[in-house]
C-alpha atoms as a PDB file:
ATOM      1  CA  MET A   1     103.498  64.500  81.747  1.00  0.00           C
ATOM      2  CA  TYR A   2     101.422  67.166  79.967  1.00  0.00           C
ATOM      3  CA  LYS A   3      97.711  67.722  79.791  1.00  0.00           C
ATOM      4  CA  LYS A   4      96.086  65.971  76.880  1.00  0.00           C
ATOM      5  CA  TYR A   5      94.780  69.327  75.678  1.00  0.00           C
ATOM      6  CA  PHE A   6      96.865  70.813  72.873  1.00  0.00           C
ATOM      7  CA  PRO A   7      95.771  74.054  71.218  1.00  0.00           C
ATOM      8  CA  GLU A   8      96.297  72.573  67.751  1.00  0.00           C
ATOM      9  CA  LYS A   9      95.322  75.643  65.736  1.00  0.00           C
ATOM     10  CA  ARG A  10      97.590  77.956  67.764  1.00  0.00           C
ATOM     11  CA  TYR A  11     100.501  75.502  67.615  1.00  0.00           C
ATOM     12  CA  LYS A  12     100.069  74.996  63.860  1.00  0.00           C
ATOM     13  CA  ILE A  13     100.011  78.753  63.171  1.00  0.00           C
ATOM     14  CA  THR A  14     102.918  79.380  65.551  1.00  0.00           C
ATOM     15  CA  LEU A  15     105.112  76.677  64.011  1.00  0.00           C
ATOM     16  CA  ALA A  16     104.331  77.840  60.439  1.00  0.00           C
ATOM     17  CA  PHE A  17     105.241  81.433  61.405  1.00  0.00           C
ATOM     18  CA  LEU A  18     108.464  80.220  63.042  1.00  0.00           C
ATOM     19  CA  GLN A  19     109.407  78.178  59.963  1.00  0.00           C
ATOM     20  CA  GLU A  20     108.721  81.161  57.723  1.00  0.00           C
ATOM     21  CA  HIS A  21     111.104  83.450  59.629  1.00  0.00           C
ATOM     22  CA  ILE A  22     113.630  81.333  61.531  1.00  0.00           C
ATOM     23  CA  SER A  23     116.055  78.773  60.089  1.00  0.00           C
ATOM     24  CA  THR A  24     116.616  75.454  61.832  1.00  0.00           C
ATOM     25  CA  GLN A  25     120.305  76.462  61.870  1.00  0.00           C
ATOM     26  CA  GLU A  26     119.493  79.105  64.510  1.00  0.00           C
ATOM     27  CA  THR A  27     119.695  78.277  68.213  1.00  0.00           C
ATOM     28  CA  ILE A  28     116.600  79.106  70.271  1.00  0.00           C
ATOM     29  CA  LEU A  29     116.067  80.069  73.889  1.00  0.00           C
ATOM     30  CA  ASP A  30     112.364  79.485  74.563  1.00  0.00           C
ATOM     31  CA  LEU A  31     111.126  81.479  77.550  1.00  0.00           C
ATOM     32  CA  GLY A  32     109.217  79.209  79.904  1.00  0.00           C
ATOM     33  CA  VAL A  33     109.641  75.642  81.008  1.00  0.00           C
ATOM     34  CA  GLU A  34     109.711  72.796  78.522  1.00  0.00           C
ATOM     35  CA  ASN A  35     106.262  72.260  77.054  1.00  0.00           C
ATOM     36  CA  PRO A  36     104.527  70.514  74.143  1.00  0.00           C
ATOM     37  CA  LEU A  37     105.245  73.431  71.792  1.00  0.00           C
ATOM     38  CA  SER A  38     108.987  73.394  72.526  1.00  0.00           C
ATOM     39  CA  GLU A  39     108.931  69.629  71.905  1.00  0.00           C
ATOM     40  CA  GLN A  40     107.236  70.201  68.544  1.00  0.00           C
ATOM     41  CA  MET A  41     109.879  72.826  67.678  1.00  0.00           C
ATOM     42  CA  ARG A  42     112.587  70.232  68.377  1.00  0.00           C
ATOM     43  CA  ALA A  43     110.733  67.690  66.220  1.00  0.00           C
ATOM     44  CA  LEU A  44     110.981  70.195  63.330  1.00  0.00           C
ATOM     45  CA  GLY A  45     114.766  70.347  63.797  1.00  0.00           C
ATOM     46  CA  TYR A  46     115.146  73.486  65.915  1.00  0.00           C
ATOM     47  CA  PRO A  47     117.786  73.349  68.660  1.00  0.00           C
ATOM     48  CA  VAL A  48     115.715  74.629  71.606  1.00  0.00           C
ATOM     49  CA  LYS A  49     116.694  75.272  75.203  1.00  0.00           C
ATOM     50  CA  ASN A  50     114.028  76.363  77.690  1.00  0.00           C
ATOM     51  CA  THR A  51     114.353  78.564  80.736  1.00  0.00           C
ATOM     52  CA  SER A  52     113.921  76.828  84.095  1.00  0.00           C
ATOM     53  CA  GLY A  53     110.739  78.378  85.411  1.00  0.00           C
ATOM     54  CA  GLU A  54     112.433  81.287  87.158  1.00  0.00           C
ATOM     55  CA  ASP A  55     110.402  84.445  87.686  1.00  0.00           C
ATOM     56  CA  LEU A  56     111.604  86.547  84.739  1.00  0.00           C
ATOM     57  CA  ASP A  57     110.323  89.727  86.381  1.00  0.00           C
ATOM     58  CA  ILE A  58     112.961  89.237  89.087  1.00  0.00           C
ATOM     59  CA  ASP A  59     115.650  87.020  87.549  1.00  0.00           C
ATOM     60  CA  GLN A  60     116.802  87.640  83.969  1.00  0.00           C
ATOM     61  CA  SER A  61     120.113  85.770  84.360  1.00  0.00           C
ATOM     62  CA  ALA A  62     119.020  83.116  81.842  1.00  0.00           C
ATOM     63  CA  LEU A  63     118.585  85.880  79.247  1.00  0.00           C
ATOM     64  CA  ILE A  64     121.892  87.531  80.089  1.00  0.00           C
ATOM     65  CA  LYS A  65     123.855  84.250  79.963  1.00  0.00           C
ATOM     66  CA  ALA A  66     122.124  82.833  76.870  1.00  0.00           C
ATOM     67  CA  ASP A  67     124.057  82.529  73.637  1.00  0.00           C
ATOM     68  CA  ALA A  68     121.034  81.634  71.508  1.00  0.00           C
ATOM     69  CA  SER A  69     120.577  83.531  68.260  1.00  0.00           C
ATOM     70  CA  VAL A  70     116.767  83.648  68.726  1.00  0.00           C
ATOM     71  CA  VAL A  71     114.498  84.049  71.749  1.00  0.00           C
ATOM     72  CA  THR A  72     110.943  82.778  71.554  1.00  0.00           C
ATOM     73  CA  ALA A  73     108.251  83.832  74.005  1.00  0.00           C
ATOM     74  CA  PHE A  74     104.958  82.115  73.260  1.00  0.00           C
ATOM     75  CA  GLU A  75     102.192  83.174  75.655  1.00  0.00           C
ATOM     76  CA  ILE A  76     104.688  84.449  78.261  1.00  0.00           C
ATOM     77  CA  PHE A  77     104.666  88.263  78.229  1.00  0.00           C
ATOM     78  CA  GLU A  78     101.067  88.560  79.381  1.00  0.00           C
ATOM     79  CA  HIS A  79     102.104  86.934  82.688  1.00  0.00           C
ATOM     80  CA  LEU A  80     104.941  89.386  83.373  1.00  0.00           C
ATOM     81  CA  LEU A  81     104.614  92.552  85.395  1.00  0.00           C
ATOM     82  CA  ASN A  82     107.550  94.115  83.567  1.00  0.00           C
ATOM     83  CA  PRO A  83     108.050  92.813  80.012  1.00  0.00           C
ATOM     84  CA  PHE A  84     109.986  96.019  79.219  1.00  0.00           C
ATOM     85  CA  GLN A  85     112.883  94.938  81.429  1.00  0.00           C
ATOM     86  CA  VAL A  86     112.858  91.404  80.027  1.00  0.00           C
ATOM     87  CA  LEU A  87     112.961  92.673  76.425  1.00  0.00           C
ATOM     88  CA  GLU A  88     115.860  94.990  77.263  1.00  0.00           C
ATOM     89  CA  GLN A  89     117.899  92.097  78.710  1.00  0.00           C
ATOM     90  CA  ILE A  90     117.611  89.823  75.664  1.00  0.00           C
ATOM     91  CA  LYS A  91     121.021  89.526  73.984  1.00  0.00           C
ATOM     92  CA  SER A  92     119.825  87.619  70.915  1.00  0.00           C
ATOM     93  CA  LYS A  93     119.390  89.494  67.663  1.00  0.00           C
ATOM     94  CA  LYS A  94     115.999  87.938  66.817  1.00  0.00           C
ATOM     95  CA  ILE A  95     112.787  87.343  68.736  1.00  0.00           C
ATOM     96  CA  VAL A  96     109.451  85.675  68.027  1.00  0.00           C
ATOM     97  CA  ILE A  97     106.661  86.549  70.456  1.00  0.00           C
ATOM     98  CA  SER A  98     102.995  85.631  70.657  1.00  0.00           C
ATOM     99  CA  VAL A  99     100.496  87.114  73.084  1.00  0.00           C
ATOM    100  CA  PRO A 100      96.767  86.894  73.602  1.00  0.00           C
ATOM    101  CA  LEU A 101      95.051  90.081  72.560  1.00  0.00           C
ATOM    102  CA  ARG A 102      92.812  92.072  74.855  1.00  0.00           C
ATOM    103  CA  LEU A 103      89.193  91.393  73.998  1.00  0.00           C
ATOM    104  CA  TRP A 104      86.699  94.175  74.567  1.00  0.00           C
ATOM    105  CA  PHE A 105      84.013  91.632  75.418  1.00  0.00           C
ATOM    106  CA  ALA A 106      85.957  89.513  77.937  1.00  0.00           C
ATOM    107  CA  THR A 107      87.956  90.339  81.065  1.00  0.00           C
ATOM    108  CA  ALA A 108      91.620  89.396  81.459  1.00  0.00           C
ATOM    109  CA  TYR A 109      92.215  85.733  82.233  1.00  0.00           C
ATOM    110  CA  ARG A 110      92.786  84.743  85.872  1.00  0.00           C
ATOM    111  CA  SER A 111      92.775  81.160  87.116  1.00  0.00           C
ATOM    112  CA  LYS A 112      90.560  80.496  90.106  1.00  0.00           C
ATOM    113  CA  THR A 113      92.848  77.697  91.349  1.00  0.00           C
ATOM    114  CA  ASP A 114      96.432  78.697  90.448  1.00  0.00           C
ATOM    115  CA  PRO A 115      97.626  82.066  91.828  1.00  0.00           C
ATOM    116  CA  TRP A 116     100.440  82.247  89.231  1.00  0.00           C
ATOM    117  CA  ASP A 117      98.236  81.491  86.228  1.00  0.00           C
ATOM    118  CA  ARG A 118      96.914  84.934  85.385  1.00  0.00           C
ATOM    119  CA  HIS A 119      97.360  87.605  82.765  1.00  0.00           C
ATOM    120  CA  TYR A 120      98.722  90.860  84.066  1.00  0.00           C
ATOM    121  CA  HIS A 121      98.774  92.259  80.523  1.00  0.00           C
ATOM    122  CA  GLU A 122      96.456  91.460  77.679  1.00  0.00           C
ATOM    123  CA  PHE A 123      97.821  93.563  74.886  1.00  0.00           C
ATOM    124  CA  GLU A 124      96.323  95.406  72.008  1.00  0.00           C
ATOM    125  CA  SER A 125      98.643  94.860  69.048  1.00  0.00           C
ATOM    126  CA  TRP A 126      99.812  98.497  69.041  1.00  0.00           C
ATOM    127  CA  GLN A 127     100.883  98.150  72.695  1.00  0.00           C
ATOM    128  CA  LEU A 128     103.183  95.202  71.974  1.00  0.00           C
ATOM    129  CA  ASP A 129     104.513  97.008  68.898  1.00  0.00           C
ATOM    130  CA  TRP A 130     105.309 100.085  70.999  1.00  0.00           C
ATOM    131  CA  LEU A 131     106.907  97.997  73.738  1.00  0.00           C
ATOM    132  CA  LEU A 132     109.178  96.361  71.164  1.00  0.00           C
ATOM    133  CA  GLU A 133     110.047  99.704  69.564  1.00  0.00           C
ATOM    134  CA  LYS A 134     110.882 101.275  72.963  1.00  0.00           C
ATOM    135  CA  THR A 135     113.213  98.364  73.828  1.00  0.00           C
ATOM    136  CA  GLY A 136     115.177  98.503  70.576  1.00  0.00           C
ATOM    137  CA  TRP A 137     113.402  95.952  68.377  1.00  0.00           C
ATOM    138  CA  GLU A 138     112.205  96.379  64.805  1.00  0.00           C
ATOM    139  CA  ILE A 139     109.181  94.326  63.767  1.00  0.00           C
ATOM    140  CA  LYS A 140     109.789  92.477  60.508  1.00  0.00           C
ATOM    141  CA  ALA A 141     106.550  90.449  60.361  1.00  0.00           C
ATOM    142  CA  ALA A 142     103.317  90.166  62.314  1.00  0.00           C
ATOM    143  CA  LYS A 143     100.216  88.000  62.295  1.00  0.00           C
ATOM    144  CA  ARG A 144      96.818  88.058  64.071  1.00  0.00           C
ATOM    145  CA  TRP A 145      94.298  85.262  64.184  1.00  0.00           C
ATOM    146  CA  THR A 146      90.988  84.273  65.723  1.00  0.00           C
ATOM    147  CA  ASN A 147      90.263  81.448  68.143  1.00  0.00           C
ATOM    148  CA  PRO A 148      86.667  80.348  67.594  1.00  0.00           C
ATOM    149  CA  THR A 149      84.977  77.948  69.989  1.00  0.00           C
ATOM    150  CA  LYS A 150      82.101  75.563  69.467  1.00  0.00           C
ATOM    151  CA  LYS A 151      80.138  77.033  72.355  1.00  0.00           C
ATOM    152  CA  ILE A 152      76.876  78.896  71.855  1.00  0.00           C
ATOM    153  CA  GLY A 153      76.423  82.536  72.812  1.00  0.00           C
ATOM    154  CA  ILE A 154      77.367  86.099  71.963  1.00  0.00           C
ATOM    155  CA  ARG A 155      81.000  85.883  73.143  1.00  0.00           C
ATOM    156  CA  PRO A 156      81.678  82.598  71.325  1.00  0.00           C
ATOM    157  CA  LEU A 157      80.165  84.146  68.179  1.00  0.00           C
ATOM    158  CA  LEU A 158      82.417  87.227  68.535  1.00  0.00           C
ATOM    159  CA  ARG A 159      85.484  84.942  68.796  1.00  0.00           C
ATOM    160  CA  TRP A 160      84.855  83.852  65.202  1.00  0.00           C
ATOM    161  CA  PHE A 161      85.543  87.406  64.006  1.00  0.00           C
ATOM    162  CA  THR A 162      87.730  89.058  66.639  1.00  0.00           C
ATOM    163  CA  PRO A 163      91.455  88.262  66.567  1.00  0.00           C
ATOM    164  CA  ARG A 164      92.577  86.644  69.834  1.00  0.00           C
ATOM    165  CA  TYR A 165      96.302  86.136  69.227  1.00  0.00           C
ATOM    166  CA  TYR A 166      99.086  88.326  67.918  1.00  0.00           C
ATOM    167  CA  MET A 167     102.550  87.154  66.903  1.00  0.00           C
ATOM    168  CA  VAL A 168     105.592  89.131  65.803  1.00  0.00           C
ATOM    169  CA  TYR A 169     109.023  88.433  64.468  1.00  0.00           C
ATOM    170  CA  ALA A 170     111.428  91.247  65.319  1.00  0.00           C
ATOM    171  CA  GLU A 171     115.139  91.934  65.042  1.00  0.00           C
ATOM    172  CA  LYS A 172     117.334  93.991  67.352  1.00  0.00           C
ATOM    173  CA  LYS A 173     118.070  97.436  65.905  1.00  0.00           C
ATOM    174  CA  THR A 174     121.779  97.986  65.410  1.00  0.00           C
END
């Protein structure tokens, strides 16, 4: 069903951040198709519904129709051409987002085999913060973390010290 590869560190940090800020009494719309992380959220007691794989740049109907109290978007916004429009369409009052950060020593990710698996945006944290502010969200908590590898070289060494991921919990301004 899924690849046997699970980014354990990222999932562990993401789930701890979610548990710190979101109650299991909240309903969640998780942007993106069902995946191992959404399954782990359910295992922790979160009622989670996923979107159906529609192109959110073109079709935001799932966001408009959703009655979830929280939207989660884990590693989704970097694939969108227009995350501004998506953020504006979210009706929920709370959001938890994680994105890979732009690394000065590595180019943006682009799969050589899958034309849809690419990063249009790799954010600096201030860019995501500004995007949220401009679309009516107020950041309540944020976290950055590294993603070291066991490879040898300058770039793998830099990954031990340079944050690779950024996550925020934000609430809609009233």
